[in-house]
Amino acid sequence: MSPFAHTPEPPYYAVIFSSRRKAVDDDGYGLMAQRMIDLAARQPGFLGAESTRGEDGFGITVSYWSSDEAITRWKRDAEHLAAQRLGKDVWYEHYELRVARVERAYGKR
């Protein structure tokens, strides 16, 4: 499986989630992260995701969506809300979330 998301021609949206983990212990984090990707993939408007985390605990996940409405529905998903609470309370020392509209995209395939 490619680590690159296969997105359509723009425009579409990107949700950029940058975070620093509190501890090295997994504490269920890996399972929850995979569950969120699996759950997001079943949401209308989900286009794909790319994610990485360094040994220092800093990570970034970019998820791609067809519309701002699709992002809002995902943000309000009950299971996603529970994961967000765990992130705030247990896993993250710091995080930033940004939503952007992708106007242009190109690369080498």
N, C-alpha and C. Protein backbone atom coordinates (compact mmCIF):
# COMPACT_ATOMS: atom_id res chain seq x y z
N MET A 1 0.84 -1.18 0.00
CA MET A 1 0.00 0.00 0.00
C MET A 1 0.88 1.25 0.00
N SER A 2 0.57 2.18 -0.86
CA SER A 2 1.33 3.41 -0.97
C SER A 2 1.06 4.33 0.22
N PRO A 3 2.09 5.02 0.72
CA PRO A 3 1.85 5.98 1.80
C PRO A 3 1.20 7.27 1.30
N PHE A 4 1.09 7.42 -0.03
CA PHE A 4 0.49 8.61 -0.60
C PHE A 4 -1.00 8.41 -0.83
N ALA A 5 -1.79 9.42 -0.48
CA ALA A 5 -3.23 9.38 -0.76
C ALA A 5 -3.44 9.63 -2.25
N HIS A 6 -4.43 8.97 -2.80
CA HIS A 6 -4.79 9.19 -4.20
C HIS A 6 -5.97 10.15 -4.22
N THR A 7 -5.70 11.39 -4.55
CA THR A 7 -6.72 12.43 -4.52
C THR A 7 -7.15 12.80 -5.94
N PRO A 8 -8.35 13.35 -6.07
CA PRO A 8 -8.82 13.77 -7.39
C PRO A 8 -8.19 15.11 -7.78
N GLU A 9 -8.54 15.59 -8.93
CA GLU A 9 -8.12 16.93 -9.32
C GLU A 9 -8.75 17.94 -8.36
N PRO A 10 -7.99 18.98 -7.99
CA PRO A 10 -8.56 20.01 -7.11
C PRO A 10 -9.73 20.72 -7.80
N PRO A 11 -10.54 21.37 -7.00
CA PRO A 11 -10.36 21.64 -5.58
C PRO A 11 -10.90 20.50 -4.69
N TYR A 12 -10.28 20.40 -3.53
CA TYR A 12 -10.74 19.54 -2.45
C TYR A 12 -10.14 20.11 -1.18
N TYR A 13 -10.37 19.49 -0.05
CA TYR A 13 -9.93 20.04 1.23
C TYR A 13 -8.92 19.13 1.92
N ALA A 14 -8.06 19.76 2.70
CA ALA A 14 -7.08 19.03 3.51
C ALA A 14 -7.24 19.44 4.97
N VAL A 15 -7.31 18.45 5.84
CA VAL A 15 -7.29 18.69 7.29
C VAL A 15 -5.91 18.26 7.76
N ILE A 16 -5.16 19.21 8.29
CA ILE A 16 -3.77 18.99 8.69
C ILE A 16 -3.72 18.96 10.21
N PHE A 17 -3.39 17.79 10.75
CA PHE A 17 -3.35 17.60 12.20
C PHE A 17 -1.91 17.33 12.61
N SER A 18 -1.31 18.29 13.30
CA SER A 18 0.06 18.16 13.81
C SER A 18 -0.02 17.97 15.31
N SER A 19 0.79 17.05 15.84
CA SER A 19 0.71 16.77 17.27
C SER A 19 2.05 16.31 17.82
N ARG A 20 2.17 16.47 19.13
CA ARG A 20 3.30 15.91 19.87
C ARG A 20 2.72 15.02 20.96
N ARG A 21 3.14 13.76 20.97
CA ARG A 21 2.68 12.80 21.96
C ARG A 21 3.28 13.12 23.32
N LYS A 22 2.54 12.81 24.39
CA LYS A 22 3.02 13.01 25.75
C LYS A 22 4.08 12.01 26.14
N ALA A 23 3.89 10.74 25.76
CA ALA A 23 4.78 9.68 26.20
C ALA A 23 5.05 8.72 25.06
N VAL A 24 6.08 7.93 25.23
CA VAL A 24 6.46 6.95 24.23
C VAL A 24 5.53 5.73 24.30
N ASP A 25 5.00 5.42 25.50
CA ASP A 25 4.10 4.28 25.66
C ASP A 25 2.92 4.41 24.71
N ASP A 26 2.53 3.32 24.10
CA ASP A 26 1.45 3.34 23.11
C ASP A 26 0.11 3.63 23.76
N ASP A 27 -0.17 2.99 24.89
CA ASP A 27 -1.40 3.25 25.65
C ASP A 27 -2.66 3.15 24.79
N GLY A 28 -2.63 2.27 23.79
CA GLY A 28 -3.79 2.11 22.92
C GLY A 28 -3.84 3.09 21.76
N TYR A 29 -2.84 3.96 21.68
CA TYR A 29 -2.84 5.01 20.66
C TYR A 29 -2.82 4.43 19.24
N GLY A 30 -1.95 3.48 19.00
CA GLY A 30 -1.82 2.92 17.66
C GLY A 30 -3.11 2.29 17.16
N LEU A 31 -3.77 1.56 18.04
CA LEU A 31 -5.05 0.94 17.67
C LEU A 31 -6.11 2.00 17.37
N MET A 32 -6.15 3.04 18.20
CA MET A 32 -7.14 4.09 17.99
C MET A 32 -6.84 4.87 16.72
N ALA A 33 -5.58 5.16 16.45
CA ALA A 33 -5.23 5.88 15.23
C ALA A 33 -5.66 5.09 14.00
N GLN A 34 -5.43 3.79 14.00
CA GLN A 34 -5.84 2.96 12.87
C GLN A 34 -7.36 2.89 12.78
N ARG A 35 -8.03 2.80 13.92
CA ARG A 35 -9.49 2.78 13.93
C ARG A 35 -10.06 4.07 13.32
N MET A 36 -9.45 5.21 13.64
CA MET A 36 -9.95 6.48 13.11
C MET A 36 -9.77 6.55 11.59
N ILE A 37 -8.65 6.05 11.08
CA ILE A 37 -8.45 6.03 9.62
C ILE A 37 -9.48 5.10 8.98
N ASP A 38 -9.70 3.93 9.57
CA ASP A 38 -10.68 2.99 9.03
C ASP A 38 -12.09 3.58 9.05
N LEU A 39 -12.43 4.26 10.15
CA LEU A 39 -13.74 4.88 10.29
C LEU A 39 -13.89 6.05 9.31
N ALA A 40 -12.87 6.88 9.22
CA ALA A 40 -12.92 8.02 8.28
C ALA A 40 -13.11 7.54 6.85
N ALA A 41 -12.45 6.44 6.51
CA ALA A 41 -12.52 5.91 5.15
C ALA A 41 -13.94 5.52 4.75
N ARG A 42 -14.80 5.30 5.72
CA ARG A 42 -16.19 4.94 5.44
C ARG A 42 -17.11 6.15 5.41
N GLN A 43 -16.55 7.33 5.67
CA GLN A 43 -17.37 8.54 5.70
C GLN A 43 -17.56 9.10 4.29
N PRO A 44 -18.77 9.56 3.96
CA PRO A 44 -18.96 10.21 2.67
C PRO A 44 -18.03 11.42 2.53
N GLY A 45 -17.36 11.51 1.41
CA GLY A 45 -16.48 12.65 1.16
C GLY A 45 -15.03 12.43 1.52
N PHE A 46 -14.71 11.32 2.19
CA PHE A 46 -13.30 11.04 2.52
C PHE A 46 -12.55 10.64 1.26
N LEU A 47 -11.38 11.24 1.04
CA LEU A 47 -10.59 10.98 -0.16
C LEU A 47 -9.30 10.22 0.12
N GLY A 48 -8.81 10.26 1.35
CA GLY A 48 -7.56 9.58 1.68
C GLY A 48 -6.85 10.29 2.81
N ALA A 49 -5.71 9.71 3.23
CA ALA A 49 -4.93 10.30 4.32
C ALA A 49 -3.47 9.90 4.19
N GLU A 50 -2.62 10.73 4.75
CA GLU A 50 -1.18 10.47 4.84
C GLU A 50 -0.76 10.80 6.27
N SER A 51 0.11 9.97 6.85
CA SER A 51 0.47 10.18 8.24
C SER A 51 1.89 9.70 8.52
N THR A 52 2.56 10.40 9.43
CA THR A 52 3.88 9.99 9.88
C THR A 52 4.11 10.51 11.30
N ARG A 53 4.97 9.80 12.04
CA ARG A 53 5.33 10.23 13.39
C ARG A 53 6.79 9.92 13.61
N GLY A 54 7.52 10.92 14.14
CA GLY A 54 8.94 10.76 14.42
C GLY A 54 9.19 10.15 15.78
N GLU A 55 10.42 9.75 16.00
CA GLU A 55 10.81 9.15 17.29
C GLU A 55 10.67 10.13 18.44
N ASP A 56 10.69 11.43 18.15
CA ASP A 56 10.55 12.45 19.19
C ASP A 56 9.10 12.70 19.60
N GLY A 57 8.16 11.97 18.96
CA GLY A 57 6.75 12.10 19.32
C GLY A 57 5.98 13.08 18.46
N PHE A 58 6.67 13.82 17.58
CA PHE A 58 5.96 14.75 16.70
C PHE A 58 5.40 13.99 15.51
N GLY A 59 4.13 14.23 15.22
CA GLY A 59 3.50 13.57 14.08
C GLY A 59 2.62 14.52 13.31
N ILE A 60 2.32 14.13 12.09
CA ILE A 60 1.42 14.90 11.26
C ILE A 60 0.58 13.95 10.43
N THR A 61 -0.71 14.22 10.41
CA THR A 61 -1.64 13.47 9.59
C THR A 61 -2.41 14.47 8.75
N VAL A 62 -2.47 14.21 7.46
CA VAL A 62 -3.25 15.04 6.56
C VAL A 62 -4.35 14.15 5.98
N SER A 63 -5.58 14.53 6.23
CA SER A 63 -6.70 13.80 5.61
C SER A 63 -7.30 14.71 4.55
N TYR A 64 -7.80 14.08 3.50
CA TYR A 64 -8.33 14.82 2.35
C TYR A 64 -9.82 14.54 2.23
N TRP A 65 -10.56 15.60 1.91
CA TRP A 65 -12.03 15.54 1.90
C TRP A 65 -12.58 16.28 0.68
N SER A 66 -13.73 15.84 0.23
CA SER A 66 -14.35 16.45 -0.95
C SER A 66 -14.98 17.80 -0.66
N SER A 67 -15.37 18.05 0.59
CA SER A 67 -16.07 19.30 0.92
C SER A 67 -15.88 19.66 2.39
N ASP A 68 -16.16 20.91 2.68
CA ASP A 68 -16.13 21.37 4.06
C ASP A 68 -17.25 20.69 4.86
N GLU A 69 -18.37 20.42 4.22
CA GLU A 69 -19.48 19.73 4.89
C GLU A 69 -19.08 18.33 5.32
N ALA A 70 -18.33 17.63 4.48
CA ALA A 70 -17.85 16.28 4.83
C ALA A 70 -16.93 16.35 6.05
N ILE A 71 -16.10 17.36 6.12
CA ILE A 71 -15.20 17.55 7.27
C ILE A 71 -16.03 17.79 8.53
N THR A 72 -17.04 18.61 8.44
CA THR A 72 -17.90 18.91 9.59
C THR A 72 -18.61 17.65 10.08
N ARG A 73 -19.12 16.84 9.15
CA ARG A 73 -19.76 15.57 9.56
C ARG A 73 -18.76 14.67 10.30
N TRP A 74 -17.54 14.58 9.78
CA TRP A 74 -16.52 13.75 10.41
C TRP A 74 -16.18 14.29 11.79
N LYS A 75 -16.06 15.59 11.92
CA LYS A 75 -15.74 16.20 13.21
C LYS A 75 -16.78 15.86 14.27
N ARG A 76 -18.04 15.69 13.84
CA ARG A 76 -19.14 15.43 14.77
C ARG A 76 -19.45 13.95 14.99
N ASP A 77 -18.72 13.06 14.32
CA ASP A 77 -18.94 11.62 14.48
C ASP A 77 -18.69 11.24 15.95
N ALA A 78 -19.61 10.48 16.53
CA ALA A 78 -19.55 10.15 17.96
C ALA A 78 -18.26 9.42 18.34
N GLU A 79 -17.86 8.44 17.55
CA GLU A 79 -16.64 7.70 17.88
C GLU A 79 -15.40 8.59 17.71
N HIS A 80 -15.43 9.45 16.73
CA HIS A 80 -14.34 10.39 16.52
C HIS A 80 -14.26 11.38 17.69
N LEU A 81 -15.41 11.84 18.18
CA LEU A 81 -15.43 12.74 19.34
C LEU A 81 -14.81 12.07 20.57
N ALA A 82 -15.10 10.78 20.78
CA ALA A 82 -14.51 10.05 21.90
C ALA A 82 -12.99 9.96 21.76
N ALA A 83 -12.51 9.72 20.53
CA ALA A 83 -11.07 9.65 20.29
C ALA A 83 -10.43 11.02 20.52
N GLN A 84 -11.12 12.08 20.13
CA GLN A 84 -10.60 13.43 20.36
C GLN A 84 -10.42 13.69 21.86
N ARG A 85 -11.40 13.27 22.65
CA ARG A 85 -11.29 13.46 24.11
C ARG A 85 -10.09 12.70 24.68
N LEU A 86 -9.90 11.45 24.23
CA LEU A 86 -8.73 10.68 24.68
C LEU A 86 -7.44 11.37 24.28
N GLY A 87 -7.41 11.89 23.06
CA GLY A 87 -6.22 12.62 22.60
C GLY A 87 -5.89 13.78 23.52
N LYS A 88 -6.88 14.57 23.84
CA LYS A 88 -6.68 15.74 24.70
C LYS A 88 -6.28 15.33 26.12
N ASP A 89 -6.93 14.29 26.65
CA ASP A 89 -6.72 13.89 28.04
C ASP A 89 -5.52 12.97 28.26
N VAL A 90 -5.19 12.13 27.26
CA VAL A 90 -4.20 11.07 27.49
C VAL A 90 -2.98 11.19 26.60
N TRP A 91 -3.16 11.39 25.30
CA TRP A 91 -2.07 11.18 24.36
C TRP A 91 -1.27 12.41 23.94
N TYR A 92 -1.91 13.57 23.83
CA TYR A 92 -1.22 14.71 23.24
C TYR A 92 -0.74 15.74 24.25
N GLU A 93 0.50 16.10 24.09
CA GLU A 93 1.08 17.21 24.84
C GLU A 93 0.64 18.52 24.19
N HIS A 94 0.60 18.53 22.86
CA HIS A 94 0.23 19.72 22.09
C HIS A 94 -0.29 19.26 20.74
N TYR A 95 -1.25 19.99 20.18
CA TYR A 95 -1.69 19.70 18.83
C TYR A 95 -2.20 20.97 18.15
N GLU A 96 -2.18 20.95 16.85
CA GLU A 96 -2.71 22.03 16.02
C GLU A 96 -3.51 21.37 14.90
N LEU A 97 -4.62 21.96 14.54
CA LEU A 97 -5.42 21.46 13.44
C LEU A 97 -5.71 22.62 12.48
N ARG A 98 -5.49 22.36 11.22
CA ARG A 98 -5.71 23.38 10.19
C ARG A 98 -6.54 22.77 9.07
N VAL A 99 -7.44 23.55 8.52
CA VAL A 99 -8.25 23.11 7.38
C VAL A 99 -7.93 24.04 6.22
N ALA A 100 -7.62 23.44 5.07
CA ALA A 100 -7.24 24.23 3.90
C ALA A 100 -7.95 23.70 2.66
N ARG A 101 -8.22 24.59 1.75
CA ARG A 101 -8.77 24.20 0.44
C ARG A 101 -7.59 24.04 -0.51
N VAL A 102 -7.48 22.90 -1.13
CA VAL A 102 -6.40 22.63 -2.08
C VAL A 102 -6.84 23.15 -3.45
N GLU A 103 -6.10 24.10 -3.96
CA GLU A 103 -6.41 24.71 -5.26
C GLU A 103 -5.58 24.10 -6.38
N ARG A 104 -4.35 23.70 -6.06
CA ARG A 104 -3.45 23.10 -7.04
C ARG A 104 -2.75 21.93 -6.39
N ALA A 105 -2.48 20.90 -7.20
CA ALA A 105 -1.74 19.74 -6.70
C ALA A 105 -0.99 19.13 -7.87
N TYR A 106 0.27 18.79 -7.65
CA TYR A 106 1.06 18.15 -8.69
C TYR A 106 2.18 17.38 -8.04
N GLY A 107 2.79 16.48 -8.76
CA GLY A 107 3.89 15.69 -8.23
C GLY A 107 4.36 14.69 -9.26
N LYS A 108 5.26 13.86 -8.83
CA LYS A 108 5.81 12.80 -9.68
C LYS A 108 5.18 11.48 -9.26
N ARG A 109 4.56 10.79 -10.18
CA ARG A 109 3.91 9.51 -9.86
C ARG A 109 4.61 8.39 -10.55
